[in-house]
């Protein structure tokens, strides 16, 4: 089973991008800083991607430093570097994302975003913490 769950902080505001394909698919690429479980003073930076309602939710509400819960899958891909050498990397594609608000409320009502739009009536959890960056 290819399933990943991360909880961490957005490294910067989430932005929408358009892929250079026939459908001009819209997506969001973003990085999550996740505390390393073995070294408490270090973070791992996870490259993530969202489509559809998850992407729209994050573009509208995802700001630098916000705590995010990410559920998705690992998607390896290969690309060529400037010397023509093949490099394999892994991107994580979301199935579900949820922002955990740390200060105040968002401009819009929060909704849990999945690959199929679903609303939630739950209030987001409030966490009072200092930001690590």
N, C-alpha and C. Protein backbone atom coordinates (compact mmCIF):
# COMPACT_ATOMS: atom_id res chain seq x y z
N UNK A 1 0.84 -1.17 0.00
CA UNK A 1 0.00 0.00 0.00
C UNK A 1 0.89 1.24 0.00
N UNK A 2 0.63 2.17 -0.87
CA UNK A 2 1.40 3.40 -1.01
C UNK A 2 0.63 4.52 -0.31
N UNK A 3 0.91 4.73 0.97
CA UNK A 3 0.20 5.74 1.75
C UNK A 3 1.17 6.45 2.67
N UNK A 4 1.10 7.79 2.70
CA UNK A 4 1.97 8.61 3.52
C UNK A 4 1.14 9.62 4.30
N UNK A 5 1.51 9.84 5.56
CA UNK A 5 0.85 10.85 6.38
C UNK A 5 1.95 11.73 6.98
N UNK A 6 1.83 13.05 6.78
CA UNK A 6 2.79 14.00 7.34
C UNK A 6 2.03 15.09 8.08
N UNK A 7 2.60 15.56 9.17
CA UNK A 7 2.12 16.76 9.84
C UNK A 7 3.33 17.67 9.98
N UNK A 8 3.20 18.88 9.47
CA UNK A 8 4.31 19.82 9.51
C UNK A 8 3.82 21.22 9.17
N UNK A 9 4.76 22.09 8.85
CA UNK A 9 4.43 23.49 8.54
C UNK A 9 4.78 23.82 7.10
N UNK A 10 3.92 24.64 6.48
CA UNK A 10 4.19 25.10 5.12
C UNK A 10 5.40 26.02 5.12
N UNK A 11 6.32 25.79 4.19
CA UNK A 11 7.54 26.57 4.11
C UNK A 11 7.28 27.95 3.50
N UNK A 12 6.29 28.06 2.61
CA UNK A 12 5.90 29.36 2.04
C UNK A 12 4.44 29.29 1.63
N UNK A 13 3.86 30.42 1.24
CA UNK A 13 2.47 30.46 0.79
C UNK A 13 2.30 29.52 -0.41
N UNK A 14 1.17 28.84 -0.46
CA UNK A 14 0.88 27.90 -1.56
C UNK A 14 0.40 28.70 -2.77
N UNK A 15 0.94 28.38 -3.95
CA UNK A 15 0.58 29.06 -5.19
C UNK A 15 0.11 28.05 -6.23
N UNK A 16 -0.81 28.49 -7.07
CA UNK A 16 -1.35 27.67 -8.16
C UNK A 16 -0.43 27.74 -9.37
N UNK A 17 -0.22 26.59 -10.03
CA UNK A 17 0.57 26.51 -11.25
C UNK A 17 -0.24 25.77 -12.31
N UNK A 18 0.04 26.06 -13.57
CA UNK A 18 -0.60 25.36 -14.68
C UNK A 18 0.45 24.49 -15.36
N UNK A 19 0.15 23.20 -15.47
CA UNK A 19 1.08 22.27 -16.11
C UNK A 19 1.08 22.48 -17.62
N UNK A 20 2.20 22.18 -18.25
CA UNK A 20 2.33 22.34 -19.69
C UNK A 20 1.92 21.03 -20.37
N UNK A 21 0.61 20.73 -20.28
CA UNK A 21 0.08 19.53 -20.94
C UNK A 21 -1.15 19.92 -21.75
N UNK A 22 -1.75 18.97 -22.44
CA UNK A 22 -2.89 19.27 -23.30
C UNK A 22 -4.06 19.87 -22.53
N UNK A 23 -4.30 19.38 -21.33
CA UNK A 23 -5.44 19.84 -20.53
C UNK A 23 -5.16 21.10 -19.73
N UNK A 24 -3.88 21.54 -19.71
CA UNK A 24 -3.47 22.71 -18.90
C UNK A 24 -3.93 22.52 -17.45
N UNK A 25 -3.61 21.35 -16.90
CA UNK A 25 -4.00 20.98 -15.55
C UNK A 25 -3.44 21.96 -14.52
N UNK A 26 -4.28 22.35 -13.58
CA UNK A 26 -3.83 23.24 -12.52
C UNK A 26 -3.41 22.41 -11.30
N UNK A 27 -2.33 22.82 -10.68
CA UNK A 27 -1.79 22.10 -9.54
C UNK A 27 -1.13 23.08 -8.58
N UNK A 28 -0.82 22.61 -7.40
CA UNK A 28 -0.06 23.39 -6.44
C UNK A 28 1.11 22.54 -5.96
N UNK A 29 2.30 23.09 -6.05
CA UNK A 29 3.49 22.47 -5.49
C UNK A 29 3.82 23.23 -4.21
N UNK A 30 4.18 22.50 -3.15
CA UNK A 30 4.52 23.16 -1.89
C UNK A 30 5.42 22.24 -1.09
N UNK A 31 6.07 22.80 -0.09
CA UNK A 31 6.98 22.04 0.75
C UNK A 31 6.51 22.12 2.19
N UNK A 32 6.55 20.97 2.86
CA UNK A 32 6.18 20.89 4.26
C UNK A 32 7.45 20.59 5.08
N UNK A 33 7.69 21.39 6.11
CA UNK A 33 8.79 21.14 7.04
C UNK A 33 8.25 20.24 8.15
N UNK A 34 8.80 19.03 8.24
CA UNK A 34 8.35 18.04 9.21
C UNK A 34 9.50 17.77 10.18
N UNK A 35 9.19 17.80 11.47
CA UNK A 35 10.22 17.55 12.47
C UNK A 35 10.77 16.14 12.31
N UNK A 36 12.10 16.03 12.28
CA UNK A 36 12.75 14.74 12.17
C UNK A 36 12.57 13.97 13.47
N UNK A 37 12.07 12.73 13.41
CA UNK A 37 11.79 11.99 14.65
C UNK A 37 13.04 11.60 15.44
N UNK A 38 14.20 11.58 14.81
CA UNK A 38 15.43 11.16 15.48
C UNK A 38 16.26 12.34 15.98
N UNK A 39 16.13 13.49 15.32
CA UNK A 39 16.89 14.69 15.69
C UNK A 39 15.89 15.82 15.89
N UNK A 40 15.54 16.08 17.12
CA UNK A 40 14.48 17.04 17.45
C UNK A 40 14.78 18.46 16.98
N UNK A 41 16.05 18.79 16.76
CA UNK A 41 16.40 20.13 16.33
C UNK A 41 16.53 20.26 14.81
N UNK A 42 16.14 19.20 14.06
CA UNK A 42 16.23 19.22 12.60
C UNK A 42 14.86 18.96 12.00
N UNK A 43 14.68 19.46 10.78
CA UNK A 43 13.43 19.24 10.05
C UNK A 43 13.74 18.56 8.71
N UNK A 44 12.80 17.75 8.24
CA UNK A 44 12.86 17.18 6.90
C UNK A 44 11.93 18.01 6.03
N UNK A 45 12.34 18.30 4.80
CA UNK A 45 11.53 19.10 3.90
C UNK A 45 10.94 18.19 2.82
N UNK A 46 9.62 18.08 2.82
CA UNK A 46 8.89 17.15 1.97
C UNK A 46 8.22 17.92 0.83
N UNK A 47 8.56 17.56 -0.43
CA UNK A 47 7.96 18.18 -1.61
C UNK A 47 6.61 17.54 -1.88
N UNK A 48 5.56 18.36 -1.96
CA UNK A 48 4.20 17.85 -2.13
C UNK A 48 3.51 18.52 -3.31
N UNK A 49 2.43 17.88 -3.76
CA UNK A 49 1.65 18.38 -4.88
C UNK A 49 0.18 18.06 -4.64
N UNK A 50 -0.70 18.99 -5.00
CA UNK A 50 -2.15 18.77 -4.87
C UNK A 50 -2.84 19.18 -6.16
N UNK A 51 -3.98 18.54 -6.41
CA UNK A 51 -4.84 18.84 -7.55
C UNK A 51 -6.26 19.07 -7.05
N UNK A 52 -7.14 19.53 -7.93
CA UNK A 52 -8.58 19.61 -7.64
C UNK A 52 -8.92 20.42 -6.42
N UNK A 53 -9.86 19.89 -5.62
CA UNK A 53 -10.36 20.65 -4.47
C UNK A 53 -9.28 20.84 -3.40
N UNK A 54 -8.36 19.88 -3.26
CA UNK A 54 -7.26 20.06 -2.31
C UNK A 54 -6.40 21.24 -2.72
N UNK A 55 -6.11 21.35 -4.00
CA UNK A 55 -5.30 22.46 -4.52
C UNK A 55 -6.01 23.79 -4.29
N UNK A 56 -7.29 23.86 -4.61
CA UNK A 56 -8.04 25.10 -4.43
C UNK A 56 -8.08 25.53 -2.96
N UNK A 57 -8.30 24.57 -2.07
CA UNK A 57 -8.33 24.82 -0.62
C UNK A 57 -6.99 25.38 -0.13
N UNK A 58 -5.89 24.77 -0.58
CA UNK A 58 -4.58 25.22 -0.14
C UNK A 58 -4.19 26.56 -0.73
N UNK A 59 -4.51 26.79 -1.99
CA UNK A 59 -4.19 28.09 -2.61
C UNK A 59 -4.93 29.21 -1.89
N UNK A 60 -6.17 28.96 -1.52
CA UNK A 60 -6.98 29.97 -0.85
C UNK A 60 -6.54 30.21 0.60
N UNK A 61 -6.15 29.14 1.31
CA UNK A 61 -5.91 29.24 2.75
C UNK A 61 -4.49 28.95 3.21
N UNK A 62 -3.65 28.31 2.39
CA UNK A 62 -2.33 27.86 2.83
C UNK A 62 -1.29 28.97 2.85
N UNK A 63 -0.89 29.37 4.04
CA UNK A 63 0.09 30.44 4.21
C UNK A 63 1.33 29.91 4.93
N UNK A 64 2.45 30.56 4.69
CA UNK A 64 3.72 30.18 5.31
C UNK A 64 3.57 30.02 6.82
N UNK A 65 4.11 28.92 7.32
CA UNK A 65 4.12 28.67 8.75
C UNK A 65 2.91 27.94 9.28
N UNK A 66 1.87 27.78 8.47
CA UNK A 66 0.67 27.10 8.94
C UNK A 66 0.93 25.60 9.10
N UNK A 67 0.32 25.05 10.13
CA UNK A 67 0.41 23.62 10.39
C UNK A 67 -0.54 22.90 9.44
N UNK A 68 -0.05 21.83 8.79
CA UNK A 68 -0.83 21.11 7.80
C UNK A 68 -0.76 19.61 8.08
N UNK A 69 -1.88 18.94 7.89
CA UNK A 69 -1.92 17.48 7.92
C UNK A 69 -2.08 17.03 6.48
N UNK A 70 -1.18 16.18 6.02
CA UNK A 70 -1.13 15.72 4.63
C UNK A 70 -1.30 14.21 4.60
N UNK A 71 -2.22 13.73 3.79
CA UNK A 71 -2.39 12.30 3.55
C UNK A 71 -2.31 12.10 2.04
N UNK A 72 -1.42 11.24 1.59
CA UNK A 72 -1.27 11.05 0.16
C UNK A 72 -0.41 9.85 -0.16
N UNK A 73 0.23 9.89 -1.34
CA UNK A 73 1.06 8.77 -1.79
C UNK A 73 2.36 9.28 -2.40
N UNK A 74 3.36 8.42 -2.38
CA UNK A 74 4.66 8.74 -2.96
C UNK A 74 4.61 8.46 -4.47
N UNK A 75 5.11 9.41 -5.27
CA UNK A 75 5.12 9.27 -6.72
C UNK A 75 6.55 9.52 -7.23
N UNK A 76 7.34 8.47 -7.43
CA UNK A 76 8.70 8.66 -7.95
C UNK A 76 8.66 9.09 -9.42
N UNK A 77 9.64 9.88 -9.81
CA UNK A 77 9.78 10.29 -11.22
C UNK A 77 11.25 10.46 -11.53
N UNK A 78 11.57 10.40 -12.81
CA UNK A 78 12.96 10.53 -13.27
C UNK A 78 13.07 11.74 -14.17
N UNK A 79 14.16 12.48 -13.98
CA UNK A 79 14.43 13.62 -14.85
C UNK A 79 15.93 13.66 -15.13
N UNK A 80 16.31 14.40 -16.15
CA UNK A 80 17.72 14.52 -16.53
C UNK A 80 18.28 15.81 -15.94
N UNK A 81 19.51 15.73 -15.42
CA UNK A 81 20.17 16.93 -14.93
C UNK A 81 20.86 17.64 -16.09
N UNK A 82 21.60 18.70 -15.81
CA UNK A 82 22.23 19.49 -16.88
C UNK A 82 23.30 18.70 -17.64
N UNK A 83 23.80 17.61 -17.05
CA UNK A 83 24.80 16.76 -17.71
C UNK A 83 24.17 15.57 -18.44
N UNK A 84 22.84 15.48 -18.43
CA UNK A 84 22.15 14.39 -19.09
C UNK A 84 22.02 13.13 -18.25
N UNK A 85 22.44 13.21 -16.99
CA UNK A 85 22.36 12.05 -16.10
C UNK A 85 20.94 11.96 -15.54
N UNK A 86 20.39 10.74 -15.51
CA UNK A 86 19.04 10.53 -14.98
C UNK A 86 19.07 10.57 -13.45
N UNK A 87 18.13 11.32 -12.89
CA UNK A 87 18.00 11.45 -11.44
C UNK A 87 16.57 11.08 -11.08
N UNK A 88 16.43 10.16 -10.11
CA UNK A 88 15.11 9.77 -9.65
C UNK A 88 14.79 10.54 -8.38
N UNK A 89 13.62 11.14 -8.34
CA UNK A 89 13.16 11.90 -7.17
C UNK A 89 11.77 11.41 -6.80
N UNK A 90 11.34 11.81 -5.62
CA UNK A 90 10.02 11.43 -5.16
C UNK A 90 9.22 12.67 -4.82
N UNK A 91 8.02 12.73 -5.35
CA UNK A 91 7.06 13.78 -5.03
C UNK A 91 5.91 13.11 -4.30
N UNK A 92 5.28 13.83 -3.38
CA UNK A 92 4.16 13.27 -2.64
C UNK A 92 2.89 13.97 -3.09
N UNK A 93 1.92 13.19 -3.58
CA UNK A 93 0.68 13.73 -4.12
C UNK A 93 -0.43 13.51 -3.10
N UNK A 94 -1.18 14.58 -2.82
CA UNK A 94 -2.19 14.52 -1.76
C UNK A 94 -3.45 13.78 -2.19
N UNK A 95 -4.02 13.07 -1.23
CA UNK A 95 -5.37 12.55 -1.33
C UNK A 95 -6.29 13.41 -0.47
N UNK A 96 -5.70 13.92 0.62
CA UNK A 96 -6.47 14.73 1.57
C UNK A 96 -5.50 15.66 2.29
N UNK A 97 -5.93 16.91 2.50
CA UNK A 97 -5.14 17.86 3.28
C UNK A 97 -6.06 18.59 4.25
N UNK A 98 -5.48 18.98 5.38
CA UNK A 98 -6.24 19.75 6.35
C UNK A 98 -5.29 20.74 7.01
N UNK A 99 -5.68 22.00 7.04
CA UNK A 99 -4.88 23.02 7.73
C UNK A 99 -5.33 23.09 9.17
N UNK A 100 -4.38 23.22 10.06
CA UNK A 100 -4.67 23.34 11.48
C UNK A 100 -4.30 24.77 11.86
N UNK A 101 -5.30 25.61 12.07
CA UNK A 101 -5.09 27.03 12.27
C UNK A 101 -4.50 27.30 13.65
N UNK A 102 -3.47 28.14 13.68
CA UNK A 102 -2.80 28.43 14.94
C UNK A 102 -3.17 29.80 15.51
N UNK A 103 -3.66 30.70 14.69
CA UNK A 103 -4.05 32.02 15.18
C UNK A 103 -5.31 32.46 14.47
N UNK A 104 -6.33 32.78 15.21
CA UNK A 104 -7.56 33.30 14.62
C UNK A 104 -8.22 32.31 13.68
N UNK A 105 -9.12 32.85 12.83
CA UNK A 105 -9.83 32.03 11.86
C UNK A 105 -9.42 32.45 10.46
N UNK A 106 -9.54 31.54 9.49
CA UNK A 106 -9.22 31.90 8.11
C UNK A 106 -10.27 32.85 7.55
N UNK A 107 -9.94 33.46 6.42
CA UNK A 107 -10.89 34.38 5.78
C UNK A 107 -12.15 33.66 5.32
N UNK A 108 -12.03 32.41 4.95
CA UNK A 108 -13.18 31.62 4.52
C UNK A 108 -13.39 30.49 5.51
N UNK A 109 -14.57 29.93 5.52
CA UNK A 109 -14.84 28.81 6.41
C UNK A 109 -13.96 27.63 6.03
N UNK A 110 -13.32 27.00 7.00
CA UNK A 110 -12.44 25.88 6.68
C UNK A 110 -13.24 24.67 6.22
N UNK A 111 -12.67 23.98 5.25
CA UNK A 111 -13.26 22.73 4.78
C UNK A 111 -12.14 21.73 4.58
N UNK A 112 -12.40 20.50 4.90
CA UNK A 112 -11.44 19.45 4.64
C UNK A 112 -11.45 19.22 3.14
N UNK A 113 -10.28 19.20 2.52
CA UNK A 113 -10.21 19.04 1.07
C UNK A 113 -9.68 17.65 0.74
N UNK A 114 -10.37 16.97 -0.15
CA UNK A 114 -9.95 15.66 -0.62
C UNK A 114 -10.01 15.68 -2.13
N UNK A 115 -9.69 14.56 -2.75
CA UNK A 115 -9.76 14.51 -4.21
C UNK A 115 -11.21 14.63 -4.67
N UNK A 116 -12.16 14.25 -3.82
CA UNK A 116 -13.57 14.48 -4.08
C UNK A 116 -14.06 15.47 -3.04
N UNK A 117 -14.64 16.62 -3.45
CA UNK A 117 -15.01 17.66 -2.49
C UNK A 117 -15.91 17.12 -1.37
N UNK A 118 -15.51 17.40 -0.14
CA UNK A 118 -16.29 17.04 1.03
C UNK A 118 -16.16 18.18 2.02
N UNK A 119 -17.25 18.59 2.62
CA UNK A 119 -17.19 19.63 3.64
C UNK A 119 -17.11 19.01 5.01
N UNK A 120 -16.76 19.81 5.97
CA UNK A 120 -16.73 19.35 7.35
C UNK A 120 -17.30 20.45 8.23
N UNK A 121 -17.98 20.07 9.27
CA UNK A 121 -18.54 21.06 10.18
C UNK A 121 -17.65 21.26 11.39
N UNK A 122 -16.55 20.52 11.46
CA UNK A 122 -15.65 20.64 12.58
C UNK A 122 -14.88 21.95 12.53
N UNK A 123 -14.68 22.55 13.70
CA UNK A 123 -13.81 23.71 13.79
C UNK A 123 -12.37 23.21 13.73
N UNK A 124 -11.46 23.96 13.09
CA UNK A 124 -10.07 23.51 13.06
C UNK A 124 -9.47 23.56 14.46
N UNK A 125 -8.55 22.67 14.71
CA UNK A 125 -7.87 22.65 16.00
C UNK A 125 -7.01 23.90 16.12
N UNK A 126 -6.97 24.49 17.31
CA UNK A 126 -6.14 25.66 17.54
C UNK A 126 -4.92 25.24 18.34
N UNK A 127 -3.76 25.62 17.84
CA UNK A 127 -2.51 25.26 18.48
C UNK A 127 -1.72 26.54 18.69
N UNK A 128 -1.27 26.76 19.90
CA UNK A 128 -0.46 27.93 20.20
C UNK A 128 0.99 27.50 20.27
N UNK A 129 1.80 27.83 19.25
CA UNK A 129 3.19 27.45 19.21
C UNK A 129 3.99 28.57 18.56
N UNK A 130 5.29 28.59 18.83
CA UNK A 130 6.18 29.47 18.11
C UNK A 130 6.50 28.81 16.79
N UNK A 131 6.63 29.60 15.73
CA UNK A 131 6.95 29.05 14.43
C UNK A 131 8.43 28.72 14.36
N UNK A 132 8.80 27.58 13.75
CA UNK A 132 10.22 27.19 13.70
C UNK A 132 11.01 27.96 12.66
N UNK A 133 10.35 28.76 11.81
CA UNK A 133 11.07 29.52 10.77
C UNK A 133 10.39 30.82 10.52
